[in-house]
Protein backbone atom coordinates (compact mmCIF):
# COMPACT_ATOMS: atom_id res chain seq x y z
CA MET A 1 -18.85 -18.98 -1.04
CA SER A 2 -20.86 -20.74 1.67
CA ALA A 3 -24.55 -20.09 2.22
CA HIS A 4 -23.73 -18.57 5.61
CA GLU A 5 -21.24 -16.14 4.07
CA ARG A 6 -23.71 -15.13 1.36
CA GLU A 7 -26.32 -14.42 4.02
CA ARG A 8 -23.86 -12.39 6.12
CA LEU A 9 -22.79 -10.28 3.15
CA THR A 10 -26.40 -9.84 2.04
CA ASP A 11 -27.21 -8.33 5.45
CA TRP A 12 -24.41 -5.78 5.06
CA LEU A 13 -25.37 -5.04 1.46
CA ALA A 14 -29.00 -4.47 2.50
CA LEU A 15 -27.92 -1.73 4.91
CA ALA A 16 -25.43 -0.18 2.48
CA LEU A 17 -27.95 -0.10 -0.40
CA ALA A 18 -30.76 1.46 1.61
CA PRO A 19 -31.45 5.05 0.42
CA GLY A 20 -30.44 7.73 2.87
CA VAL A 21 -28.42 5.32 5.02
CA GLY A 22 -24.72 6.17 4.90
CA PRO A 23 -21.71 4.85 6.82
CA ARG A 24 -22.41 6.95 9.93
CA ARG A 25 -26.01 5.78 10.22
CA ILE A 26 -24.99 2.18 9.58
CA ALA A 27 -22.45 2.45 12.42
CA GLN A 28 -25.25 3.75 14.65
CA LEU A 29 -27.50 0.86 13.65
CA ILE A 30 -24.80 -1.68 14.46
CA GLU A 31 -24.18 -0.03 17.83
CA ARG A 32 -27.90 -0.06 18.60
CA PHE A 33 -28.87 -3.54 17.37
CA GLY A 34 -25.56 -5.39 17.52
CA SER A 35 -25.26 -6.61 13.92
CA PRO A 36 -26.68 -6.07 10.43
CA ALA A 37 -28.75 -9.23 10.80
CA GLU A 38 -30.34 -7.96 14.01
CA ALA A 39 -30.94 -4.54 12.43
CA ARG A 40 -32.79 -6.22 9.56
CA ARG A 41 -34.88 -8.20 12.05
CA ALA A 42 -35.81 -5.08 14.00
CA SER A 43 -39.38 -3.86 13.80
CA ARG A 44 -40.33 -0.93 11.61
CA ALA A 45 -41.07 1.06 14.77
CA ALA A 46 -37.61 0.33 16.16
CA LEU A 47 -35.98 1.39 12.90
CA ARG A 48 -38.05 4.58 12.84
CA ASP A 49 -36.93 5.29 16.40
CA ALA A 50 -33.35 4.85 15.15
CA GLY A 51 -33.94 7.66 12.61
CA ILE A 52 -34.22 5.47 9.52
CA PRO A 53 -36.40 6.99 6.74
CA THR A 54 -39.52 5.06 5.68
CA ALA A 55 -38.16 4.25 2.21
CA ALA A 56 -34.93 2.95 3.73
CA ILE A 57 -36.82 0.71 6.17
CA ALA A 58 -38.49 -1.07 3.26
CA ALA A 59 -35.16 -1.40 1.42
CA ILE A 60 -33.45 -2.86 4.49
CA GLY A 61 -36.07 -5.58 4.66
CA THR A 62 -36.16 -6.21 0.91
CA PRO A 63 -32.96 -4.97 -0.76
CA ASP A 64 -32.53 -4.61 -4.52
CA ALA A 65 -31.95 -8.25 -5.44
CA GLU A 66 -30.17 -7.42 -8.71
CA ARG A 67 -27.62 -5.14 -7.07
CA VAL A 68 -27.02 -7.59 -4.23
CA GLN A 69 -26.44 -10.40 -6.71
CA LEU A 70 -24.09 -8.20 -8.76
CA ALA A 71 -21.90 -7.66 -5.69
CA LEU A 72 -21.98 -11.32 -4.65
CA ASP A 73 -21.11 -12.45 -8.17
CA TRP A 74 -18.13 -10.09 -8.25
CA VAL A 75 -16.76 -11.60 -5.03
CA GLU A 76 -16.66 -15.02 -6.70
CA HIS A 77 -13.87 -13.87 -9.06
CA ASP A 78 -10.27 -14.84 -8.31
CA GLY A 79 -8.51 -12.25 -6.18
CA ALA A 80 -11.78 -10.51 -5.27
CA HIS A 81 -12.82 -9.84 -1.68
CA LEU A 82 -15.68 -8.01 0.02
CA LEU A 83 -14.62 -6.88 3.48
CA THR A 84 -17.10 -5.69 6.11
CA PRO A 85 -16.24 -4.24 9.55
CA ASP A 86 -16.85 -7.60 11.23
CA ALA A 87 -14.44 -9.45 8.88
CA PRO A 88 -10.97 -10.48 10.14
CA LEU A 89 -9.17 -8.76 7.25
CA TYR A 90 -11.02 -5.46 7.57
CA PRO A 91 -8.32 -2.83 8.30
CA ARG A 92 -8.29 -1.88 11.94
CA ARG A 93 -7.24 1.68 11.21
CA LEU A 94 -10.55 2.25 9.44
CA LEU A 95 -12.39 0.84 12.45
CA GLU A 96 -10.97 3.78 14.41
CA LEU A 97 -13.06 6.17 12.29
CA ALA A 98 -16.44 7.45 13.46
CA ALA A 99 -18.09 6.01 10.35
CA PRO A 100 -16.08 3.12 8.86
CA PRO A 101 -16.97 2.23 5.27
CA PRO A 102 -19.45 -0.66 5.58
CA LEU A 103 -18.21 -2.28 2.36
CA LEU A 104 -14.68 -2.57 0.98
CA PHE A 105 -14.38 -4.29 -2.38
CA VAL A 106 -10.76 -5.40 -2.80
CA ARG A 107 -8.92 -6.75 -5.83
CA GLY A 108 -5.57 -8.27 -4.96
CA ASP A 109 -3.98 -8.88 -1.57
CA ALA A 110 -6.60 -7.92 1.02
CA SER A 111 -4.19 -8.59 3.91
CA LEU A 112 -2.13 -5.62 2.73
CA LEU A 113 -4.76 -3.25 4.14
CA GLN A 114 -3.66 -4.20 7.66
CA GLU A 115 -0.03 -3.23 7.10
CA PRO A 116 1.58 0.16 7.89
CA GLN A 117 0.92 2.62 5.09
CA ILE A 118 1.92 6.10 4.01
CA ALA A 119 -0.41 8.02 1.70
CA ILE A 120 1.18 10.13 -1.02
CA VAL A 121 -1.11 12.56 -2.85
CA GLY A 122 -0.86 15.75 -4.85
CA SER A 123 -1.66 17.63 -8.01
CA ARG A 124 -3.07 16.01 -11.14
CA ASN A 125 -0.93 18.43 -13.17
CA PRO A 126 2.38 18.47 -11.33
CA THR A 127 5.77 19.71 -12.38
CA VAL A 128 8.44 17.28 -13.54
CA GLY A 129 10.21 17.86 -10.25
CA GLY A 130 7.05 17.06 -8.31
CA MET A 131 6.66 13.78 -10.17
CA GLU A 132 10.26 12.85 -9.40
CA THR A 133 9.83 13.73 -5.73
CA ALA A 134 6.70 11.61 -5.38
CA ARG A 135 8.32 8.70 -7.19
CA ASP A 136 11.51 8.87 -5.14
CA PHE A 137 9.73 9.14 -1.78
CA ALA A 138 7.45 6.24 -2.70
CA ALA A 139 10.30 4.04 -3.94
CA TYR A 140 12.37 4.66 -0.83
CA LEU A 141 9.56 4.08 1.68
CA ALA A 142 8.16 1.07 -0.16
CA GLY A 143 11.62 -0.45 -0.32
CA LEU A 144 11.72 -0.41 3.46
CA GLY A 145 8.46 -2.33 3.75
CA LEU A 146 5.89 0.46 4.06
CA VAL A 147 2.86 0.22 1.78
CA ILE A 148 2.26 3.32 -0.36
CA THR A 149 -1.41 4.30 -0.63
CA SER A 150 -2.85 6.75 -3.15
CA GLY A 151 -5.85 7.35 -5.38
CA LEU A 152 -4.82 6.23 -8.91
CA ALA A 153 -5.33 9.77 -10.22
CA LEU A 154 -3.19 11.43 -12.86
CA GLY A 155 -0.03 13.18 -11.74
CA ILE A 156 1.35 12.71 -8.24
CA ASP A 157 -0.86 9.69 -7.43
CA ALA A 158 0.38 7.82 -10.48
CA ALA A 159 4.01 8.73 -9.74
CA ALA A 160 3.64 7.44 -6.19
CA HIS A 161 2.17 4.13 -7.37
CA GLU A 162 4.89 3.74 -10.00
CA GLY A 163 7.65 4.45 -7.51
CA ALA A 164 6.25 1.93 -5.04
CA LEU A 165 5.83 -0.76 -7.69
CA GLY A 166 9.54 -0.58 -8.42
CA SER A 167 10.60 -1.49 -4.88
CA GLY A 168 7.61 -2.70 -2.89
CA ARG A 169 3.83 -2.67 -2.71
CA THR A 170 1.06 -0.14 -3.18
CA ILE A 171 -2.68 0.26 -2.65
CA ALA A 172 -4.94 2.32 -4.92
CA VAL A 173 -8.23 3.54 -3.47
CA LEU A 174 -10.76 4.05 -6.26
CA GLY A 175 -13.52 6.58 -6.79
CA THR A 176 -15.34 4.02 -8.94
CA GLY A 177 -16.51 0.45 -8.51
CA PRO A 178 -13.77 -2.19 -8.20
CA ASN A 179 -14.19 -3.28 -11.82
CA ARG A 180 -13.92 0.22 -13.28
CA VAL A 181 -10.74 2.24 -13.74
CA TYR A 182 -10.67 6.02 -13.85
CA PRO A 183 -8.91 7.52 -15.65
CA ALA A 184 -9.04 4.85 -18.35
CA ALA A 185 -5.41 5.58 -19.20
CA HIS A 186 -4.46 3.92 -15.92
CA ARG A 187 -5.89 0.49 -16.73
CA ASP A 188 -2.44 -1.06 -17.08
CA LEU A 189 -1.27 0.65 -13.88
CA ALA A 190 -4.34 -0.68 -12.05
CA ARG A 191 -3.64 -4.18 -13.34
CA ARG A 192 -0.05 -4.05 -12.10
CA ILE A 193 -1.14 -2.74 -8.71
CA ALA A 194 -3.69 -5.53 -8.31
CA ALA A 195 -1.06 -8.14 -9.22
CA THR A 196 1.20 -7.35 -6.25
CA GLY A 197 -0.82 -4.94 -4.11
CA ALA A 198 -4.50 -4.07 -3.91
CA LEU A 199 -7.27 -1.98 -5.47
CA VAL A 200 -9.88 -0.84 -2.96
CA SER A 201 -13.35 0.65 -3.41
CA GLU A 202 -16.41 1.18 -1.26
CA PHE A 203 -18.59 1.48 -4.37
CA LEU A 204 -20.49 -1.41 -5.91
CA PRO A 205 -19.16 -3.10 -9.06
CA GLY A 206 -20.20 -1.19 -12.16
CA THR A 207 -20.20 2.21 -10.42
CA GLY A 208 -18.68 4.88 -12.67
CA PRO A 209 -16.80 8.03 -11.69
CA HIS A 210 -18.74 10.85 -10.08
CA ALA A 211 -17.43 14.11 -8.64
CA SER A 212 -18.80 13.33 -5.16
CA HIS A 213 -17.02 9.98 -5.02
CA PHE A 214 -13.49 11.35 -4.89
CA PRO A 215 -13.69 13.38 -1.65
CA GLN A 216 -15.45 10.34 -0.17
CA ARG A 217 -12.60 8.12 -1.39
CA ASN A 218 -10.05 10.48 0.17
CA ARG A 219 -11.17 9.66 3.72
CA ILE A 220 -10.23 6.03 3.07
CA ILE A 221 -6.81 6.98 1.70
CA SER A 222 -6.02 9.02 4.80
CA GLY A 223 -7.77 6.63 7.18
CA LEU A 224 -5.75 3.61 6.07
CA SER A 225 -2.45 5.42 6.51
CA LEU A 226 -0.23 6.39 9.41
CA GLY A 227 0.36 9.70 7.68
CA THR A 228 -0.34 11.60 4.46
CA LEU A 229 2.38 13.25 2.40
CA VAL A 230 1.32 16.06 0.03
CA VAL A 231 3.93 16.66 -2.65
CA GLU A 232 2.45 19.41 -4.81
CA ALA A 233 -0.99 20.98 -4.48
CA ALA A 234 -2.53 24.26 -5.54
CA LEU A 235 -4.82 26.11 -3.15
CA GLY A 236 -8.22 24.44 -3.39
CA SER A 237 -6.73 21.12 -4.49
CA GLY A 238 -8.51 17.91 -3.57
CA SER A 239 -5.26 16.78 -1.98
CA LEU A 240 -5.81 19.38 0.72
CA ILE A 241 -9.11 17.64 1.51
CA THR A 242 -7.17 14.42 2.06
CA ALA A 243 -4.74 16.27 4.33
CA ARG A 244 -7.58 17.84 6.32
CA LEU A 245 -9.25 14.46 6.73
CA ALA A 246 -5.96 12.95 7.87
CA SER A 247 -5.62 15.64 10.51
CA GLU A 248 -9.21 15.13 11.70
CA GLN A 249 -8.57 11.38 11.90
CA GLY A 250 -5.53 11.92 14.10
CA ARG A 251 -3.04 10.97 11.40
CA GLU A 252 0.23 12.73 10.62
CA VAL A 253 0.29 15.28 7.79
CA PHE A 254 3.50 15.98 5.87
CA ALA A 255 4.13 18.52 3.12
CA VAL A 256 7.02 19.05 0.73
CA PRO A 257 7.87 22.75 0.36
CA GLY A 258 8.54 24.38 -2.99
CA SER A 259 9.37 27.64 -4.67
CA ILE A 260 7.30 30.63 -3.64
CA HIS A 261 6.84 31.26 -7.38
CA ASN A 262 5.30 27.82 -7.98
CA PRO A 263 1.48 27.92 -7.62
CA LEU A 264 1.55 24.18 -6.97
CA ALA A 265 3.59 24.78 -3.81
CA ARG A 266 1.04 27.14 -2.26
CA GLY A 267 -1.19 24.36 -0.99
CA CYS A 268 1.77 22.67 0.69
CA HIS A 269 2.89 25.95 2.21
CA ALA A 270 -0.64 26.53 3.54
CA LEU A 271 -0.57 23.08 5.15
CA ILE A 272 2.78 23.84 6.78
CA ARG A 273 1.40 27.10 8.20
CA GLN A 274 -1.52 25.08 9.59
CA GLY A 275 0.77 22.65 11.38
CA ALA A 276 1.75 20.03 8.79
CA LYS A 277 5.31 18.82 9.14
CA LEU A 278 7.71 20.17 6.52
CA VAL A 279 9.74 17.33 5.03
CA ASP A 280 12.53 17.27 2.48
CA SER A 281 13.71 13.76 3.31
CA ALA A 282 11.90 10.45 3.70
CA THR A 283 13.76 9.81 6.94
CA GLN A 284 11.91 12.74 8.52
CA ILE A 285 8.68 10.86 7.90
CA LEU A 286 10.12 7.72 9.48
CA GLU A 287 11.17 9.62 12.58
CA GLU A 288 7.63 10.95 13.05
CA ILE A 289 5.84 7.63 12.60
CA GLY A 290 8.51 5.60 14.41
CA PRO A 291 6.49 5.04 17.61
CA GLN A 292 3.49 3.74 15.65
CA LEU A 293 5.69 1.46 13.57
CA GLY A 294 7.32 0.22 16.75
CA ALA A 295 3.92 -0.71 18.18
CA TYR A 296 3.08 -2.54 14.96
CA LEU A 297 6.31 -4.55 15.00
CA ASP A 298 5.87 -5.42 18.66
CA GLU A 299 2.50 -6.92 17.78
CA HIS A 300 3.71 -8.59 14.58
CA ALA A 301 7.17 -9.72 15.59
CA ASP A 302 7.06 -12.64 13.19
CA THR A 303 5.77 -10.66 10.21
CA SER A 304 8.01 -11.37 7.25
CA GLY A 305 8.80 -8.76 4.64
CA PHE A 306 8.65 -5.74 6.95
CA ILE A 307 12.27 -4.76 7.23
CA LEU A 308 12.16 -1.22 8.57
CA PRO A 309 14.24 -0.53 11.69
CA ILE A 310 12.17 1.81 13.84
CA PRO A 311 13.91 5.15 14.47
CA SER A 312 13.33 6.24 18.06
CA GLY A 313 15.57 9.23 17.48
CA ALA A 314 18.62 9.95 15.41
CA SER A 315 20.78 10.42 18.49
CA GLU A 316 20.05 6.90 19.73
CA LEU A 317 20.70 5.44 16.29
CA ALA A 318 23.97 7.33 16.00
CA ARG A 319 25.24 5.54 19.11
CA ALA A 320 24.28 2.09 17.82
CA PRO A 321 27.40 -0.05 17.15
CA LEU A 322 27.82 -1.52 13.70
CA ASP A 323 27.92 -5.26 13.18
CA ASP A 324 30.09 -6.99 10.58
CA ASP A 325 27.39 -6.86 7.87
CA HIS A 326 27.01 -3.09 8.23
CA LYS A 327 30.77 -2.69 8.02
CA ARG A 328 30.86 -4.88 4.91
CA LEU A 329 28.18 -2.71 3.31
CA LEU A 330 30.15 0.45 4.05
CA ALA A 331 33.30 -1.14 2.66
CA GLY A 332 31.47 -1.91 -0.58
CA MET A 333 30.31 1.67 -1.02
CA GLY A 334 32.23 4.64 -2.35
CA TYR A 335 31.57 8.35 -2.66
CA ASP A 336 29.90 7.94 -6.04
CA PRO A 337 26.14 7.18 -5.96
CA THR A 338 25.63 3.42 -6.13
CA SER A 339 22.46 1.42 -6.67
CA PRO A 340 21.30 -1.23 -4.15
CA ASP A 341 21.70 -3.86 -6.91
CA ASP A 342 25.38 -3.01 -7.22
CA LEU A 343 25.76 -3.17 -3.44
CA ILE A 344 24.15 -6.61 -3.42
CA ALA A 345 26.60 -7.79 -6.06
CA ARG A 346 29.60 -6.30 -4.24
CA THR A 347 28.75 -7.52 -0.74
CA GLY A 348 26.71 -10.68 -1.26
CA LEU A 349 24.19 -9.39 1.29
CA PRO A 350 20.49 -10.11 0.62
CA ALA A 351 18.30 -7.29 -0.72
CA TYR A 352 15.90 -7.28 2.22
CA GLU A 353 18.78 -6.72 4.66
CA ILE A 354 20.51 -4.04 2.59
CA ALA A 355 17.40 -1.84 2.47
CA SER A 356 17.08 -1.66 6.25
CA MET A 357 20.83 -1.33 6.74
CA LEU A 358 20.97 1.66 4.39
CA LEU A 359 18.28 3.43 6.37
CA LEU A 360 20.15 2.95 9.63
CA LEU A 361 23.40 4.14 8.09
CA GLU A 362 21.68 7.19 6.63
CA LEU A 363 20.10 8.09 9.97
CA GLN A 364 23.53 7.76 11.54
CA GLY A 365 24.93 10.19 8.97
CA ARG A 366 27.31 7.63 7.51
CA VAL A 367 25.71 7.50 4.05
CA GLN A 368 23.55 9.82 1.99
CA SER A 369 20.75 9.05 -0.45
CA HIS A 370 20.52 10.33 -4.02
CA PRO A 371 17.74 10.49 -6.63
CA GLY A 372 16.88 7.17 -8.18
CA GLY A 373 17.32 5.25 -4.93
CA ARG A 374 21.14 5.33 -5.01
CA TYR A 375 23.51 5.79 -2.05
CA SER A 376 27.04 6.91 -1.32
CA LEU A 377 29.29 7.46 1.66
CA ARG A 378 28.66 10.86 3.20
CA ALA A 379 31.18 13.28 1.75
CA THR A 380 33.66 14.70 4.24
CA ARG A 381 32.89 18.35 4.87
CA VAL A 382 35.20 21.18 5.82
CA GLY A 383 35.34 21.18 9.59
CA ASP A 384 34.58 17.48 9.99
CA ASP A 385 36.80 15.61 12.43
CA PRO A 386 38.94 13.18 10.38
CA GLY A 387 38.15 10.63 13.06
CA ASP A 388 34.49 10.86 12.07
CA ASN A 389 35.05 9.26 8.66
CA PRO A 390 31.65 7.68 7.96
CA GLY A 391 33.20 4.78 6.16
CA ALA A 392 35.41 3.84 9.09
């Protein structure tokens, strides 16, 4: 790390470590003085006029050297990054917030924070069906190139991360420092996430879990994402906080309905009554976020690895003619559920093309998806026109 970079990060750390100075006040200081360096150079009178407490003024000028050094030392590790709002890799979606986190400690691929994400959250004590739903949604969406973001908690969070790891990439936002894992049982999961995705925290290295950290973490989960999907949540669940924050941030909120007899469905039903979009298929999420994904692809036309065709409406997709590769894929598929690996072997088409082709064919009603990420031709129903054979 260069001397200039150390000095820049020290300025940000000085503001973040000052007592009584949170993200909102730091944003106000930056707006008033222009940069952390200029805020630190400001006179005590100017800082008092900006509403900074006396104790914080002293800390801004002379931050805790040990804590600053701890953070700078952590950044020197392989795969470690400290992102600040003026850094190129700082996620732009968080910059849209009224009070962006001033520090983001990242283990893994920091560039992933810029990519389109869907948050999946829910109960820490879900049903078996809830776990399967979270895993299947995550696997499907991640396989299309979306990043799945969650909070590394027990239950639905873990299922979402696991599903995404099987087909794509995932981000875990921590309620601890970047070198601590909570719960401890998820150490291996955290390691696997960091290897291909990213672990993110706004807390300094060494920070342990605290009850107040997790609602604070939730605003980052929702803020990074285009939308938040709640799979199972009881009334009063922390997942409902994430959904509320997503709504306040102008993000989409989705909820999976459940049995009226399942207490873990009541939170989702409450969200739906409040305006969240009821979803029972991942394609419904894609249809809602399609315009935002389209804007992203227009700006990143040469981005490799993002293979999702943007649905501007099922009716338009249904009229889209099929090319030879799509026809070959249909010819290699039967009415029994088939895995993408088998389709690759049968057709010789590359995996990254098959994933996007399957989505288009599903939106057109030619194929249907099944649990476990498998697909089949759409079964002919009574009343269907024989000329509408989806495999034709």
